[in-house]
């Protein structure tokens, strides 16, 4: 018994040393990656939550984004973050009318999204971005609808994705097949039902305004208090509409 213990003890010490070496090697490899990618992930989260970034601030992160995209290991969060930052970079470029840079940045965004999807094909937000990129680069094509379908199938209920997706879908309502058109309208109702009153109002008075006669009757299923809050927000923004079950300001004066 004693000899067996004496024989095993060196093996245990050797295993401990080997594990320690592996941990050191892993740390040497992983920590530089972590410190490089962590700021990108934080920026991507802030972008997702609609925090404003100046174009110059995003461009400063471009080298780090390129390094993440060029590295071989598949790290879904890092590639997702890179694609989100590139998306905001394109949006900012479009908003300030920097026409000479738009095509190159759209191409870079598409490559980033495709690479990220190859690593994480269940990312519904990236499918939505791919749909938007293809429509923005080349104009709407029915063939692009497969990307929108993937976004709905893989992430039907994520609130922050709905905020981005619903406006894009309603802006193309007339080009959508009946099932996707119905899905987009139901998504708008769900957005409002979940309490995103200001966001729903912005979508309604923006891309949804053309189809307000389709959207408004669907609001009957929304809780009365939420409908009233939505109506007040729309009225305060200067739009005069009849929200089901809610008196307009001029009608309230007679009650």
Protein backbone atom coordinates (compact mmCIF):
# COMPACT_ATOMS: atom_id res chain seq x y z
CA UNK A 1 0.00 0.00 0.00
CA UNK A 2 2.80 2.38 0.96
CA UNK A 3 4.72 1.61 -2.23
CA UNK A 4 1.62 2.32 -4.33
CA UNK A 5 1.17 5.68 -2.63
CA UNK A 6 4.85 6.42 -3.11
CA UNK A 7 4.57 5.54 -6.81
CA UNK A 8 1.46 7.69 -7.37
CA UNK A 9 2.77 10.78 -5.59
CA UNK A 10 5.31 11.72 -8.31
CA UNK A 11 2.65 11.20 -10.97
CA UNK A 12 0.29 13.53 -9.13
CA UNK A 13 3.02 16.13 -8.83
CA UNK A 14 3.81 15.77 -12.54
CA UNK A 15 0.11 16.13 -13.45
CA UNK A 16 -0.12 19.25 -11.28
CA UNK A 17 2.93 20.75 -12.97
CA UNK A 18 1.55 19.94 -16.42
CA UNK A 19 -1.82 21.50 -15.58
CA UNK A 20 -0.04 24.58 -14.32
CA UNK A 21 1.94 24.83 -17.56
CA UNK A 22 -1.24 24.47 -19.60
CA UNK A 23 -2.90 27.20 -17.54
CA UNK A 24 0.06 29.52 -18.07
CA UNK A 25 0.08 28.85 -21.81
CA UNK A 26 -3.69 29.38 -22.02
CA UNK A 27 -3.40 32.64 -20.10
CA UNK A 28 -0.56 33.82 -22.34
CA UNK A 29 -2.76 33.19 -25.37
CA UNK A 30 -6.17 34.17 -24.03
CA UNK A 31 -5.56 37.28 -21.94
CA UNK A 32 -4.26 39.45 -24.82
CA UNK A 33 -7.31 38.42 -26.84
CA UNK A 34 -9.62 39.21 -23.92
CA UNK A 35 -8.13 42.66 -23.36
CA UNK A 36 -8.36 43.42 -27.07
CA UNK A 37 -11.93 42.20 -27.54
CA UNK A 38 -13.53 43.40 -24.28
CA UNK A 39 -13.69 47.08 -25.35
CA UNK A 40 -15.29 46.07 -28.66
CA UNK A 41 -17.95 44.06 -26.86
CA UNK A 42 -18.72 47.01 -24.56
CA UNK A 43 -19.02 49.39 -27.51
CA UNK A 44 -21.25 46.93 -29.37
CA UNK A 45 -23.55 46.70 -26.36
CA UNK A 46 -23.77 50.48 -26.16
CA UNK A 47 -24.53 50.64 -29.88
CA UNK A 48 -27.31 48.08 -29.47
CA UNK A 49 -28.86 50.21 -26.73
CA UNK A 50 -28.92 53.20 -29.08
CA UNK A 51 -26.07 55.18 -27.55
CA UNK A 52 -24.72 57.73 -29.99
CA UNK A 53 -21.16 57.49 -31.25
CA UNK A 54 -19.37 60.01 -33.41
CA UNK A 55 -17.92 58.67 -36.64
CA UNK A 56 -14.35 59.43 -35.55
CA UNK A 57 -14.80 57.41 -32.36
CA UNK A 58 -15.94 54.40 -34.38
CA UNK A 59 -13.12 54.77 -36.89
CA UNK A 60 -10.61 54.66 -34.04
CA UNK A 61 -11.83 51.12 -33.31
CA UNK A 62 -11.58 49.97 -36.93
CA UNK A 63 -8.06 48.44 -36.55
CA UNK A 64 -9.20 46.36 -33.57
CA UNK A 65 -12.27 45.25 -35.51
CA UNK A 66 -10.09 44.18 -38.44
CA UNK A 67 -7.83 42.14 -36.14
CA UNK A 68 -10.82 40.31 -34.64
CA UNK A 69 -12.21 39.54 -38.10
CA UNK A 70 -8.83 38.26 -39.36
CA UNK A 71 -8.16 35.84 -36.52
CA UNK A 72 -8.83 32.18 -37.23
CA UNK A 73 -10.57 30.93 -34.04
CA UNK A 74 -14.34 31.17 -34.15
CA UNK A 75 -15.47 33.45 -31.31
CA UNK A 76 -19.15 34.31 -31.85
CA UNK A 77 -19.37 37.21 -29.38
CA UNK A 78 -16.29 38.93 -30.78
CA UNK A 79 -17.41 38.58 -34.40
CA UNK A 80 -20.93 39.71 -33.50
CA UNK A 81 -19.47 42.79 -31.81
CA UNK A 82 -17.32 43.56 -34.84
CA UNK A 83 -20.36 43.35 -37.14
CA UNK A 84 -22.44 45.59 -34.85
CA UNK A 85 -19.71 48.24 -34.81
CA UNK A 86 -19.40 48.08 -38.60
CA UNK A 87 -23.19 48.45 -38.90
CA UNK A 88 -23.17 51.64 -36.83
CA UNK A 89 -20.19 52.88 -38.85
CA UNK A 90 -22.21 52.44 -42.05
CA UNK A 91 -25.29 54.08 -40.50
CA UNK A 92 -23.23 57.08 -39.41
CA UNK A 93 -21.59 57.30 -42.83
CA UNK A 94 -24.99 57.35 -44.52
CA UNK A 95 -26.45 59.86 -42.06
CA UNK A 96 -23.72 62.44 -42.72
CA UNK A 97 -23.78 61.82 -46.48
CA UNK A 98 -20.19 60.65 -46.86
CA UNK A 99 -20.92 59.16 -50.28
CA UNK A 100 -17.33 58.33 -51.20
CA UNK A 101 -17.04 55.91 -48.28
CA UNK A 102 -20.46 54.25 -48.29
CA UNK A 103 -19.80 51.46 -50.81
CA UNK A 104 -16.53 50.36 -49.21
CA UNK A 105 -18.02 50.35 -45.74
CA UNK A 106 -21.10 48.45 -46.91
CA UNK A 107 -18.84 45.83 -48.50
CA UNK A 108 -16.81 45.56 -45.30
CA UNK A 109 -20.02 45.21 -43.28
CA UNK A 110 -21.29 42.43 -45.52
CA UNK A 111 -18.02 40.48 -45.22
CA UNK A 112 -18.08 40.96 -41.45
CA UNK A 113 -21.68 39.73 -41.16
CA UNK A 114 -21.09 36.71 -43.40
CA UNK A 115 -18.01 35.74 -41.38
CA UNK A 116 -19.90 36.14 -38.12
CA UNK A 117 -22.81 34.04 -39.39
CA UNK A 118 -20.43 31.27 -40.47
CA UNK A 119 -19.35 31.18 -36.83
CA UNK A 120 -22.81 31.68 -35.32
CA UNK A 121 -25.56 30.80 -37.83
CA UNK A 122 -28.32 31.10 -35.20
CA UNK A 123 -27.73 34.83 -34.66
CA UNK A 124 -31.05 36.36 -35.73
CA UNK A 125 -29.76 39.93 -35.54
CA UNK A 126 -26.99 39.20 -38.05
CA UNK A 127 -29.52 37.72 -40.50
CA UNK A 128 -31.48 40.97 -40.21
CA UNK A 129 -28.33 43.01 -40.86
CA UNK A 130 -27.54 40.87 -43.91
CA UNK A 131 -31.06 41.54 -45.22
CA UNK A 132 -30.59 45.27 -44.71
CA UNK A 133 -27.12 45.30 -46.27
CA UNK A 134 -28.22 43.52 -49.42
CA UNK A 135 -31.19 45.86 -49.87
CA UNK A 136 -29.03 48.92 -49.24
CA UNK A 137 -26.23 47.84 -51.57
CA UNK A 138 -28.21 46.46 -54.47
CA UNK A 139 -31.84 47.46 -53.96
CA UNK A 140 -34.66 45.26 -52.79
CA UNK A 141 -34.86 41.76 -54.25
CA UNK A 142 -37.36 39.05 -53.28
CA UNK A 143 -34.37 36.73 -52.96
CA UNK A 144 -33.23 38.75 -49.95
CA UNK A 145 -36.39 37.83 -48.05
CA UNK A 146 -34.81 34.54 -47.03
CA UNK A 147 -32.55 36.50 -44.68
CA UNK A 148 -35.51 38.29 -43.10
CA UNK A 149 -37.26 34.96 -42.66
CA UNK A 150 -34.22 33.54 -40.89
CA UNK A 151 -34.21 36.51 -38.52
CA UNK A 152 -37.87 35.97 -37.63
CA UNK A 153 -37.48 32.21 -37.27
CA UNK A 154 -34.39 32.37 -35.06
CA UNK A 155 -35.31 35.39 -32.93
CA UNK A 156 -39.02 36.15 -32.98
CA UNK A 157 -39.24 37.76 -29.54
CA UNK A 158 -35.97 39.48 -28.61
CA UNK A 159 -37.00 43.04 -27.76
CA UNK A 160 -33.90 44.85 -28.99
CA UNK A 161 -33.95 42.95 -32.31
CA UNK A 162 -37.64 43.77 -32.78
CA UNK A 163 -36.86 47.46 -32.31
CA UNK A 164 -34.49 47.33 -35.29
CA UNK A 165 -36.34 44.78 -37.40
CA UNK A 166 -39.89 46.08 -37.31
CA UNK A 167 -39.15 49.43 -38.93
CA UNK A 168 -37.12 47.72 -41.66
CA UNK A 169 -39.92 45.23 -42.36
CA UNK A 170 -42.75 47.78 -42.35
CA UNK A 171 -40.78 50.05 -44.69
CA UNK A 172 -41.00 47.21 -47.24
CA UNK A 173 -44.53 46.11 -46.36
CA UNK A 174 -45.85 46.22 -49.94
CA UNK A 175 -42.98 44.01 -51.13
CA UNK A 176 -43.45 41.37 -48.45
CA UNK A 177 -45.35 38.14 -49.14
CA UNK A 178 -48.60 37.87 -47.14
CA UNK A 179 -47.17 35.73 -44.34
CA UNK A 180 -44.21 38.03 -43.70
CA UNK A 181 -46.42 41.12 -43.99
CA UNK A 182 -48.71 39.68 -41.31
CA UNK A 183 -45.71 38.77 -39.16
CA UNK A 184 -44.42 42.34 -39.37
CA UNK A 185 -47.79 43.80 -38.35
CA UNK A 186 -48.14 41.35 -35.47
CA UNK A 187 -44.61 42.25 -34.40
CA UNK A 188 -45.56 45.92 -34.25
CA UNK A 189 -48.56 45.11 -32.04
CA UNK A 190 -46.37 42.94 -29.80
CA UNK A 191 -43.81 45.73 -29.53
CA UNK A 192 -46.48 48.12 -28.27
CA UNK A 193 -48.08 45.50 -26.03
CA UNK A 194 -44.72 45.00 -24.32
CA UNK A 195 -44.62 48.66 -23.35
CA UNK A 196 -42.27 50.12 -25.97
CA UNK A 197 -44.60 53.08 -26.47
CA UNK A 198 -42.08 55.64 -27.71
CA UNK A 199 -40.42 53.16 -30.07
CA UNK A 200 -43.78 52.01 -31.43
CA UNK A 201 -44.82 55.62 -31.98
CA UNK A 202 -41.60 56.37 -33.87
CA UNK A 203 -42.10 53.35 -36.12
CA UNK A 204 -45.79 54.16 -36.60
CA UNK A 205 -45.20 57.76 -37.66
CA UNK A 206 -42.19 56.73 -39.75
CA UNK A 207 -42.13 53.56 -41.87
CA UNK A 208 -45.57 52.52 -40.60
CA UNK A 209 -47.38 55.72 -41.54
CA UNK A 210 -48.25 54.53 -45.06
CA UNK A 211 -50.04 51.49 -43.65
CA UNK A 212 -51.61 53.14 -40.60
CA UNK A 213 -55.06 51.97 -41.73
CA UNK A 214 -53.74 48.41 -41.44
CA UNK A 215 -51.91 48.90 -38.15
CA UNK A 216 -54.51 50.85 -36.19
CA UNK A 217 -57.32 48.24 -36.18
CA UNK A 218 -54.84 45.68 -34.86
CA UNK A 219 -54.30 47.75 -31.73
CA UNK A 220 -57.66 46.69 -30.31
CA UNK A 221 -55.88 43.78 -28.62
CA UNK A 222 -53.46 46.08 -26.78
CA UNK A 223 -54.22 46.97 -23.16
CA UNK A 224 -56.28 50.16 -22.83
CA UNK A 225 -53.71 52.02 -20.79
CA UNK A 226 -50.98 51.26 -23.30
CA UNK A 227 -53.21 52.36 -26.18
CA UNK A 228 -53.91 55.64 -24.39
CA UNK A 229 -50.18 56.23 -23.81
CA UNK A 230 -49.49 55.45 -27.47
CA UNK A 231 -52.24 57.82 -28.62
CA UNK A 232 -50.90 60.65 -26.42
CA UNK A 233 -47.41 60.16 -27.79
CA UNK A 234 -48.62 60.18 -31.40
CA UNK A 235 -50.81 63.25 -30.81
CA UNK A 236 -47.99 65.09 -29.03
CA UNK A 237 -45.78 64.43 -32.06
CA UNK A 238 -48.36 66.22 -34.23
CA UNK A 239 -50.20 63.31 -35.83
CA UNK A 240 -53.98 63.22 -35.81
CA UNK A 241 -55.25 59.64 -35.90
CA UNK A 242 -58.02 57.57 -34.38
CA UNK A 243 -56.52 54.97 -32.06
CA UNK A 244 -59.16 52.28 -31.36
CA UNK A 245 -60.99 52.86 -28.09
CA UNK A 246 -59.18 56.13 -27.33
CA UNK A 247 -60.80 59.56 -27.52
CA UNK A 248 -58.93 62.20 -29.46
CA UNK A 249 -58.01 65.42 -27.59
CA UNK A 250 -60.80 67.40 -29.26
CA UNK A 251 -63.32 64.68 -28.38
CA UNK A 252 -62.25 64.67 -24.71
CA UNK A 253 -63.28 68.30 -24.38
CA UNK A 254 -66.91 67.31 -24.94
CA UNK A 255 -66.90 64.53 -22.34
